[in-house]
Protein backbone atom coordinates (compact mmCIF):
# COMPACT_ATOMS: atom_id res chain seq x y z
CA UNK A 1 -8.08 2.99 -38.13
CA UNK A 2 -8.48 5.44 -41.00
CA UNK A 3 -12.27 5.45 -40.58
CA UNK A 4 -11.86 6.31 -36.88
CA UNK A 5 -9.53 9.22 -37.73
CA UNK A 6 -11.99 10.53 -40.33
CA UNK A 7 -14.87 10.42 -37.82
CA UNK A 8 -12.73 12.24 -35.25
CA UNK A 9 -11.83 14.92 -37.79
CA UNK A 10 -15.47 15.36 -38.78
CA UNK A 11 -16.44 15.62 -35.09
CA UNK A 12 -13.81 18.30 -34.46
CA UNK A 13 -14.89 20.30 -37.51
CA UNK A 14 -18.52 20.04 -36.38
CA UNK A 15 -17.59 21.14 -32.86
CA UNK A 16 -15.65 24.11 -34.22
CA UNK A 17 -18.58 25.12 -36.42
CA UNK A 18 -21.01 24.77 -33.50
CA UNK A 19 -18.75 26.86 -31.27
CA UNK A 20 -18.48 29.63 -33.86
CA UNK A 21 -22.23 29.57 -34.45
CA UNK A 22 -23.04 29.66 -30.73
CA UNK A 23 -20.53 32.44 -30.14
CA UNK A 24 -21.88 34.51 -33.02
CA UNK A 25 -25.49 34.01 -31.90
CA UNK A 26 -24.70 34.99 -28.32
CA UNK A 27 -22.71 38.02 -29.42
CA UNK A 28 -25.54 39.13 -31.67
CA UNK A 29 -28.10 38.65 -28.90
CA UNK A 30 -25.98 40.64 -26.49
CA UNK A 31 -25.51 43.45 -28.96
CA UNK A 32 -29.20 43.54 -29.81
CA UNK A 33 -30.28 43.48 -26.17
CA UNK A 34 -27.85 46.21 -25.17
CA UNK A 35 -28.38 48.47 -28.24
CA UNK A 36 -24.66 48.33 -28.85
CA UNK A 37 -23.74 49.42 -25.32
CA UNK A 38 -21.74 47.32 -22.91
CA UNK A 39 -24.02 45.79 -20.27
CA UNK A 40 -22.84 46.60 -16.75
CA UNK A 41 -24.51 43.49 -15.32
CA UNK A 42 -22.16 40.50 -15.01
CA UNK A 43 -23.23 37.62 -17.25
CA UNK A 44 -21.70 34.17 -17.17
CA UNK A 45 -22.31 31.23 -19.50
CA UNK A 46 -21.53 27.54 -19.46
CA UNK A 47 -22.10 24.67 -21.86
CA UNK A 48 -23.81 21.43 -20.81
CA UNK A 49 -25.72 18.63 -22.48
CA UNK A 50 -29.51 18.66 -22.82
CA UNK A 51 -31.21 19.47 -19.49
CA UNK A 52 -33.52 16.47 -19.77
CA UNK A 53 -34.88 16.61 -16.21
CA UNK A 54 -35.04 20.39 -15.89
CA UNK A 55 -32.73 20.42 -12.87
CA UNK A 56 -30.33 23.01 -14.28
CA UNK A 57 -33.12 25.41 -15.15
CA UNK A 58 -34.37 25.24 -11.57
CA UNK A 59 -30.88 25.79 -10.16
CA UNK A 60 -30.51 28.87 -12.36
CA UNK A 61 -33.90 30.14 -11.16
CA UNK A 62 -32.85 29.64 -7.53
CA UNK A 63 -29.59 31.48 -8.17
CA UNK A 64 -31.40 34.38 -9.84
CA UNK A 65 -33.64 34.76 -6.80
CA UNK A 66 -30.60 35.09 -4.53
CA UNK A 67 -28.31 36.99 -6.93
CA UNK A 68 -30.48 39.12 -9.22
CA UNK A 69 -27.42 41.20 -10.11
CA UNK A 70 -25.78 38.30 -12.03
CA UNK A 71 -27.13 36.75 -15.22
CA UNK A 72 -26.27 33.08 -15.80
CA UNK A 73 -26.99 31.35 -19.08
CA UNK A 74 -26.96 27.62 -19.72
CA UNK A 75 -26.08 26.74 -23.31
CA UNK A 76 -27.57 23.31 -23.97
CA UNK A 77 -25.16 21.58 -26.33
CA UNK A 78 -25.03 18.14 -27.95
CA UNK A 79 -25.47 15.03 -25.82
CA UNK A 80 -22.12 13.64 -27.07
CA UNK A 81 -19.46 14.39 -24.44
CA UNK A 82 -16.57 14.47 -26.92
CA UNK A 83 -18.37 17.05 -29.08
CA UNK A 84 -18.85 19.35 -26.09
CA UNK A 85 -15.19 18.89 -25.17
CA UNK A 86 -14.20 19.98 -28.67
CA UNK A 87 -16.56 22.96 -28.48
CA UNK A 88 -14.99 24.10 -25.22
CA UNK A 89 -11.45 23.46 -26.53
CA UNK A 90 -12.12 25.41 -29.73
CA UNK A 91 -13.39 28.42 -27.79
CA UNK A 92 -10.67 28.33 -25.13
CA UNK A 93 -7.84 27.80 -27.63
CA UNK A 94 -8.92 30.77 -29.72
CA UNK A 95 -9.27 33.05 -26.71
CA UNK A 96 -13.02 33.35 -27.27
CA UNK A 97 -14.89 34.45 -24.13
CA UNK A 98 -18.19 32.71 -24.90
CA UNK A 99 -17.88 30.45 -21.83
CA UNK A 100 -16.87 31.94 -18.49
CA UNK A 101 -17.59 28.72 -16.61
CA UNK A 102 -16.32 25.38 -17.91
CA UNK A 103 -18.42 22.35 -16.96
CA UNK A 104 -15.87 19.55 -17.24
CA UNK A 105 -15.74 15.81 -17.43
CA UNK A 106 -13.09 14.67 -14.96
CA UNK A 107 -10.76 13.51 -17.76
CA UNK A 108 -10.61 17.00 -19.29
CA UNK A 109 -8.97 18.60 -16.26
CA UNK A 110 -5.27 17.83 -16.96
CA UNK A 111 -5.57 18.73 -20.64
CA UNK A 112 -7.36 22.04 -20.04
CA UNK A 113 -5.17 22.98 -17.06
CA UNK A 114 -1.91 22.13 -18.84
CA UNK A 115 -2.97 24.34 -21.76
CA UNK A 116 -3.41 27.26 -19.37
CA UNK A 117 -7.12 27.55 -20.12
CA UNK A 118 -8.32 27.47 -16.49
CA UNK A 119 -7.94 29.58 -13.38
CA UNK A 120 -6.55 27.76 -10.31
CA UNK A 121 -9.13 27.66 -7.52
CA UNK A 122 -6.96 26.79 -4.49
CA UNK A 123 -7.53 30.09 -2.69
CA UNK A 124 -11.26 30.04 -3.37
CA UNK A 125 -11.66 26.43 -2.22
CA UNK A 126 -9.62 25.95 0.98
CA UNK A 127 -8.63 22.45 2.23
CA UNK A 128 -11.45 22.31 4.78
CA UNK A 129 -14.00 22.72 1.98
CA UNK A 130 -12.29 20.14 -0.23
CA UNK A 131 -12.73 17.54 2.50
CA UNK A 132 -16.51 17.77 2.09
CA UNK A 133 -16.30 16.25 -1.40
CA UNK A 134 -15.62 12.62 -2.32
CA UNK A 135 -11.84 12.05 -2.29
CA UNK A 136 -11.60 10.65 -5.82
CA UNK A 137 -13.51 13.61 -7.22
CA UNK A 138 -11.06 16.03 -5.61
CA UNK A 139 -8.06 14.06 -6.91
CA UNK A 140 -9.58 14.21 -10.36
CA UNK A 141 -10.00 17.98 -10.01
CA UNK A 142 -6.32 18.53 -9.31
CA UNK A 143 -3.43 18.96 -11.74
CA UNK A 144 0.20 19.36 -10.62
CA UNK A 145 -0.86 20.14 -7.08
CA UNK A 146 -3.41 22.81 -7.92
CA UNK A 147 -7.21 22.62 -7.89
CA UNK A 148 -8.94 23.57 -11.14
CA UNK A 149 -12.42 22.11 -10.71
CA UNK A 150 -15.16 22.00 -8.07
CA UNK A 151 -16.98 18.63 -8.27
CA UNK A 152 -20.73 18.69 -8.95
CA UNK A 153 -21.70 15.12 -9.77
CA UNK A 154 -19.84 11.86 -9.33
CA UNK A 155 -19.80 8.48 -11.03
CA UNK A 156 -17.85 5.22 -10.73
CA UNK A 157 -17.85 1.70 -12.09
CA UNK A 158 -19.06 -1.16 -9.89
CA UNK A 159 -20.14 -4.78 -9.78
CA UNK A 160 -23.82 -5.75 -9.96
CA UNK A 161 -24.94 -9.20 -8.79
CA UNK A 162 -28.12 -11.21 -8.48
CA UNK A 163 -29.17 -11.35 -4.84
CA UNK A 164 -31.63 -14.18 -5.57
CA UNK A 165 -28.79 -16.40 -6.82
CA UNK A 166 -26.15 -15.79 -4.15
CA UNK A 167 -26.32 -14.49 -0.60
CA UNK A 168 -23.04 -12.54 -0.58
CA UNK A 169 -21.09 -10.99 -3.46
CA UNK A 170 -17.54 -12.19 -4.22
CA UNK A 171 -14.58 -10.08 -3.12
CA UNK A 172 -11.80 -11.53 -5.27
CA UNK A 173 -11.29 -12.27 -8.97
CA UNK A 174 -11.06 -16.00 -8.26
CA UNK A 175 -14.29 -15.97 -6.25
CA UNK A 176 -16.15 -14.15 -9.02
CA UNK A 177 -15.06 -16.70 -11.63
CA UNK A 178 -15.97 -19.58 -9.32
CA UNK A 179 -19.43 -18.21 -8.50
CA UNK A 180 -20.16 -17.23 -12.10
CA UNK A 181 -19.07 -20.61 -13.43
CA UNK A 182 -21.12 -22.48 -10.84
CA UNK A 183 -24.33 -20.49 -11.35
CA UNK A 184 -24.34 -19.85 -15.09
CA UNK A 185 -26.35 -21.90 -17.56
CA UNK A 186 -25.41 -20.53 -20.99
CA UNK A 187 -26.77 -19.42 -23.33
CA UNK A 188 -29.80 -18.48 -21.21
CA UNK A 189 -27.77 -17.36 -18.19
CA UNK A 190 -24.16 -16.22 -18.49
CA UNK A 191 -21.85 -15.61 -15.57
CA UNK A 192 -20.59 -12.09 -16.28
CA UNK A 193 -21.17 -9.25 -18.73
CA UNK A 194 -19.20 -6.03 -19.09
CA UNK A 195 -18.22 -3.34 -21.60
CA UNK A 196 -15.93 -5.06 -24.09
CA UNK A 197 -16.25 -2.95 -27.21
CA UNK A 198 -13.28 -0.88 -28.38
CA UNK A 199 -14.18 2.49 -26.80
CA UNK A 200 -13.65 4.42 -23.57
CA UNK A 201 -15.88 2.10 -21.54
CA UNK A 202 -13.48 -0.77 -22.23
CA UNK A 203 -10.63 1.28 -20.76
CA UNK A 204 -12.66 2.05 -17.62
CA UNK A 205 -13.38 -1.62 -17.01
CA UNK A 206 -9.80 -2.69 -17.71
CA UNK A 207 -8.39 -0.10 -15.29
CA UNK A 208 -10.50 -1.52 -12.45
CA UNK A 209 -9.08 -4.97 -13.17
CA UNK A 210 -5.55 -3.59 -13.53
CA UNK A 211 -5.73 -1.65 -10.25
CA UNK A 212 -7.31 -4.65 -8.54
CA UNK A 213 -4.23 -6.70 -9.50
CA UNK A 214 -1.93 -4.01 -8.05
CA UNK A 215 -0.89 -2.59 -11.43
CA UNK A 216 -1.15 0.86 -12.97
CA UNK A 217 -0.58 2.72 -16.23
CA UNK A 218 1.60 5.54 -14.88
CA UNK A 219 3.47 5.77 -11.59
CA UNK A 220 3.60 8.83 -9.33
CA UNK A 221 6.43 10.31 -11.42
CA UNK A 222 4.51 9.88 -14.67
CA UNK A 223 6.55 6.92 -15.92
CA UNK A 224 4.79 4.17 -17.85
CA UNK A 225 4.53 1.02 -15.71
CA UNK A 226 1.74 -0.77 -17.57
CA UNK A 227 4.03 -3.54 -18.87
CA UNK A 228 4.51 -5.08 -15.43
CA UNK A 229 3.67 -8.63 -14.32
CA UNK A 230 0.52 -7.21 -12.74
CA UNK A 231 -0.47 -5.64 -16.06
CA UNK A 232 -0.11 -8.94 -17.88
CA UNK A 233 -2.01 -10.77 -15.13
CA UNK A 234 -4.87 -8.28 -15.35
CA UNK A 235 -5.32 -8.55 -19.12
CA UNK A 236 -4.87 -12.32 -19.03
CA UNK A 237 -7.71 -12.57 -16.49
CA UNK A 238 -9.95 -10.21 -18.49
CA UNK A 239 -9.36 -11.95 -21.83
CA UNK A 240 -9.95 -15.31 -20.17
CA UNK A 241 -13.53 -14.32 -19.31
CA UNK A 242 -14.69 -14.46 -22.93
CA UNK A 243 -16.46 -17.74 -23.74
CA UNK A 244 -15.62 -19.00 -20.25
CA UNK A 245 -18.12 -17.02 -18.15
CA UNK A 246 -18.95 -14.21 -20.62
CA UNK A 247 -20.60 -14.54 -24.04
CA UNK A 248 -18.37 -14.10 -27.08
CA UNK A 249 -20.49 -11.09 -28.07
CA UNK A 250 -19.30 -9.20 -24.98
CA UNK A 251 -16.50 -7.86 -27.18
CA UNK A 252 -19.17 -5.70 -28.87
CA UNK A 253 -20.97 -4.55 -25.70
CA UNK A 254 -21.22 -1.00 -24.43
CA UNK A 255 -23.11 -0.03 -21.26
CA UNK A 256 -26.58 -0.56 -22.66
CA UNK A 257 -25.91 -3.95 -24.25
CA UNK A 258 -24.52 -5.23 -20.94
CA UNK A 259 -27.43 -3.72 -19.02
CA UNK A 260 -30.08 -5.30 -21.25
CA UNK A 261 -28.54 -8.76 -20.87
CA UNK A 262 -28.34 -8.40 -17.09
CA UNK A 263 -31.71 -6.71 -16.65
CA UNK A 264 -33.47 -9.37 -18.74
CA UNK A 265 -32.14 -11.95 -16.29
CA UNK A 266 -29.45 -13.45 -18.53
CA UNK A 267 -26.35 -12.77 -16.39
CA UNK A 268 -25.30 -13.35 -12.79
CA UNK A 269 -22.81 -10.45 -12.63
CA UNK A 270 -22.36 -7.19 -14.52
CA UNK A 271 -19.81 -4.39 -14.50
CA UNK A 272 -21.55 -1.06 -15.14
CA UNK A 273 -22.17 2.47 -13.84
CA UNK A 274 -24.67 3.54 -11.15
CA UNK A 275 -27.37 4.59 -13.61
CA UNK A 276 -28.21 0.93 -14.29
CA UNK A 277 -29.48 0.33 -10.73
CA UNK A 278 -32.53 2.57 -11.11
CA UNK A 279 -33.44 1.01 -14.45
CA UNK A 280 -33.07 -2.49 -13.00
CA UNK A 281 -35.68 -1.55 -10.35
CA UNK A 282 -38.29 -0.48 -12.90
CA UNK A 283 -41.76 -1.99 -12.49
CA UNK A 284 -41.38 -4.10 -15.64
CA UNK A 285 -37.80 -5.23 -14.92
CA UNK A 286 -37.41 -9.04 -14.62
CA UNK A 287 -34.71 -8.52 -11.94
CA UNK A 288 -36.58 -5.90 -9.87
CA UNK A 289 -35.73 -6.44 -6.19
CA UNK A 290 -33.06 -9.01 -7.08
CA UNK A 291 -30.04 -6.75 -7.63
CA UNK A 292 -27.19 -5.84 -5.33
CA UNK A 293 -24.12 -3.66 -5.88
CA UNK A 294 -20.61 -3.79 -4.48
CA UNK A 295 -17.07 -2.64 -5.29
CA UNK A 296 -15.33 -4.39 -8.17
CA UNK A 297 -13.45 -7.52 -7.09
CA UNK A 298 -9.68 -7.58 -6.53
CA UNK A 299 -6.78 -10.01 -6.30
CA UNK A 300 -5.97 -11.67 -3.01
CA UNK A 301 -4.10 -9.20 -0.83
CA UNK A 302 -5.00 -6.24 -3.04
CA UNK A 303 -7.78 -3.64 -2.84
CA UNK A 304 -10.82 -2.84 -4.96
CA UNK A 305 -10.82 0.26 -7.14
CA UNK A 306 -13.46 1.96 -9.26
CA UNK A 307 -12.85 4.07 -12.33
CA UNK A 308 -13.98 7.60 -11.57
CA UNK A 309 -16.39 9.51 -13.77
CA UNK A 310 -18.22 12.71 -13.05
CA UNK A 311 -18.50 16.42 -13.75
CA UNK A 312 -17.57 19.69 -12.13
CA UNK A 313 -17.07 23.41 -12.64
CA UNK A 314 -13.95 25.34 -13.56
CA UNK A 315 -13.46 29.00 -14.50
CA UNK A 316 -11.99 29.98 -17.85
CA UNK A 317 -8.65 31.81 -17.64
CA UNK A 318 -10.09 34.60 -19.81
CA UNK A 319 -13.49 34.75 -18.12
CA UNK A 320 -14.96 38.25 -18.37
CA UNK A 321 -16.38 38.09 -14.83
CA UNK A 322 -14.38 35.54 -12.78
CA UNK A 323 -15.82 36.70 -9.45
CA UNK A 324 -19.38 36.38 -10.73
CA UNK A 325 -18.47 32.98 -12.19
CA UNK A 326 -17.21 31.85 -8.78
CA UNK A 327 -20.35 33.17 -7.07
CA UNK A 328 -22.43 31.00 -9.37
CA UNK A 329 -20.38 27.80 -9.22
CA UNK A 330 -19.99 27.99 -5.44
CA UNK A 331 -23.79 28.30 -5.20
CA UNK A 332 -24.42 25.48 -7.69
CA UNK A 333 -22.16 23.04 -5.84
CA UNK A 334 -23.85 23.48 -2.46
CA UNK A 335 -25.74 20.45 -1.03
CA UNK A 336 -29.19 21.89 -1.80
CA UNK A 337 -28.43 22.23 -5.51
CA UNK A 338 -26.74 18.83 -5.77
CA UNK A 339 -29.78 17.31 -4.12
CA UNK A 340 -32.09 19.05 -6.60
CA UNK A 341 -30.02 17.81 -9.57
CA UNK A 342 -30.16 14.31 -8.10
CA UNK A 343 -33.95 14.25 -7.92
CA UNK A 344 -34.55 16.08 -11.20
CA UNK A 345 -31.79 14.72 -13.46
CA UNK A 346 -30.62 11.61 -11.60
CA UNK A 347 -27.14 13.03 -10.94
CA UNK A 348 -25.02 11.41 -8.23
CA UNK A 349 -23.91 14.13 -5.78
CA UNK A 350 -20.21 14.70 -5.19
CA UNK A 351 -20.58 15.75 -1.53
CA UNK A 352 -20.10 13.11 1.15
CA UNK A 353 -22.94 14.26 3.41
CA UNK A 354 -25.64 13.61 0.81
CA UNK A 355 -25.11 9.85 0.90
CA UNK A 356 -26.68 9.94 4.38
CA UNK A 357 -29.46 12.35 3.47
CA UNK A 358 -32.77 10.74 4.58
CA UNK A 359 -34.71 11.88 1.51
CA UNK A 360 -32.09 10.56 -0.91
CA UNK A 361 -31.66 7.25 0.89
CA UNK A 362 -35.46 6.78 1.05
CA UNK A 363 -35.63 7.01 -2.73
CA UNK A 364 -32.29 5.29 -3.40
CA UNK A 365 -31.69 2.66 -0.69
CA UNK A 366 -28.57 1.46 -2.51
CA UNK A 367 -26.75 4.74 -1.74
CA UNK A 368 -24.87 3.44 1.34
CA UNK A 369 -23.43 0.67 -0.88
CA UNK A 370 -22.76 3.18 -3.65
CA UNK A 371 -20.86 5.34 -1.16
CA UNK A 372 -18.48 2.42 -0.52
CA UNK A 373 -17.84 2.19 -4.25
CA UNK A 374 -17.25 5.92 -4.66
CA UNK A 375 -14.80 6.06 -1.75
CA UNK A 376 -12.61 3.63 -3.71
CA UNK A 377 -12.91 5.59 -6.98
CA UNK A 378 -9.73 6.61 -8.79
CA UNK A 379 -9.22 8.99 -11.71
CA UNK A 380 -8.04 7.61 -15.01
CA UNK A 381 -4.37 8.42 -15.77
CA UNK A 382 -4.08 12.13 -15.01
CA UNK A 383 -2.12 13.41 -18.00
CA UNK A 384 -2.71 16.00 -20.75
CA UNK A 385 -2.20 13.22 -23.32
CA UNK A 386 -4.92 11.03 -21.81
CA UNK A 387 -6.77 10.77 -25.14
CA UNK A 388 -3.74 9.05 -26.70
CA UNK A 389 -3.26 6.86 -23.62
CA UNK A 390 -6.87 5.77 -23.87
CA UNK A 391 -6.59 5.08 -27.60
CA UNK A 392 -3.60 2.79 -27.05
CA UNK A 393 -5.41 0.87 -24.34
CA UNK A 394 -8.59 0.58 -26.41
CA UNK A 395 -6.80 -0.88 -29.41
CA UNK A 396 -4.68 -3.45 -27.60
CA UNK A 397 -7.05 -4.51 -24.81
CA UNK A 398 -9.67 -5.09 -27.50
CA UNK A 399 -7.18 -7.13 -29.53
CA UNK A 400 -6.55 -9.36 -26.51
CA UNK A 401 -10.28 -9.85 -25.93
CA UNK A 402 -10.93 -11.00 -29.51
CA UNK A 403 -7.78 -13.10 -29.61
CA UNK A 404 -5.76 -11.29 -32.28
CA UNK A 405 -3.01 -10.50 -29.75
CA UNK A 406 -1.85 -12.39 -26.69
CA UNK A 407 -2.26 -10.50 -23.40
CA UNK A 408 1.54 -10.24 -23.09
CA UNK A 409 1.96 -8.80 -26.60
CA UNK A 410 -1.01 -6.46 -26.14
CA UNK A 411 0.35 -5.04 -22.89
CA UNK A 412 3.83 -4.50 -24.40
CA UNK A 413 2.41 -2.80 -27.49
CA UNK A 414 0.08 -0.56 -25.47
CA UNK A 415 2.91 0.44 -23.13
CA UNK A 416 5.15 1.41 -26.04
CA UNK A 417 2.43 3.55 -27.61
CA UNK A 418 1.76 5.24 -24.27
CA UNK A 419 5.50 5.98 -23.83
CA UNK A 420 5.44 7.69 -27.22
CA UNK A 421 2.39 9.70 -26.13
CA UNK A 422 3.72 10.89 -22.77
CA UNK A 423 7.41 11.11 -23.66
CA UNK A 424 10.01 8.72 -22.40
């Protein structure tokens, strides 16, 4: 645990240093370009990861052609999401105005909004406009009844299966175990692989199993309800997969380890994110043309749920040019720009209509199935203390997977830690 805390501290110090360096560089550039005079032209900046496909640069060029009076600058930061979160938090906490627009992971919204770092967008984004986005993405953009984020790209966990080994995917937990056990031939072919390492991906997978059993972490009033019979049932089922239909090494898997096992033809089922579908269809993929996707399975009488991921735009409370910031983010989140980012950077659009777009479906024929998954997507526990909630789940769900805690003890311990985090 101490090593984890040290790494987190180092990451925060690095993020703070990067934020100060970026802010100083931008301030110096502004001063040099303006000869010390305040520039009358509105300029807005936002921080994102590396623009690997060039989609953002093209969106900015399109915007400039339509709005030459507004300058928009993309600051390409580190690929690590948590480092960018710390960079934003450092700037926003100090009152620095480096970033007018905040490009947020869905799990940042409650923390940033509760700190008073964001402008509410309810009046700028009326209900009729919100309906055009995927429902889970809008729920994840809302904190205490107010909208603080406009979705740009979506993401959700789902179940992959081998279409050459079974005609129809399972719908329930029992059916998945039965099919996996019947078809597997370990060690060459395992039944199921997923993200079992102690990190955020483990939490995402566990939540889908928890929700599929009818359980939850917090109820509508914010009370901790994890230590319910459904919570114990969910973790008991998940821990029971190891060595039964999943390899023992699954407790060390992240997304890529699971994908490699599945894509090399060594698993019947896989829990993963949408990005894996395109890679599985590569020319040299052993499972090319043999992969289907569907919502994660659920208990009898319950419903499937997918853990929501994704990104969207907010406006900093102390933005220098909030109206210019809104002009840009409302342009960037239109269908044409989402479509461009899809083709250039592989981003999944957050607008409903694009899942029926002929050009997108022609390139990505799995999108109608992906739409079913995304309609069932749910945000992770929406709370400013989500980082501590996640840490408690990571520690104890992992302990149950490797057998150092029973599922019952792990659920009780996680629930107690979460109560301490959110306040009883």
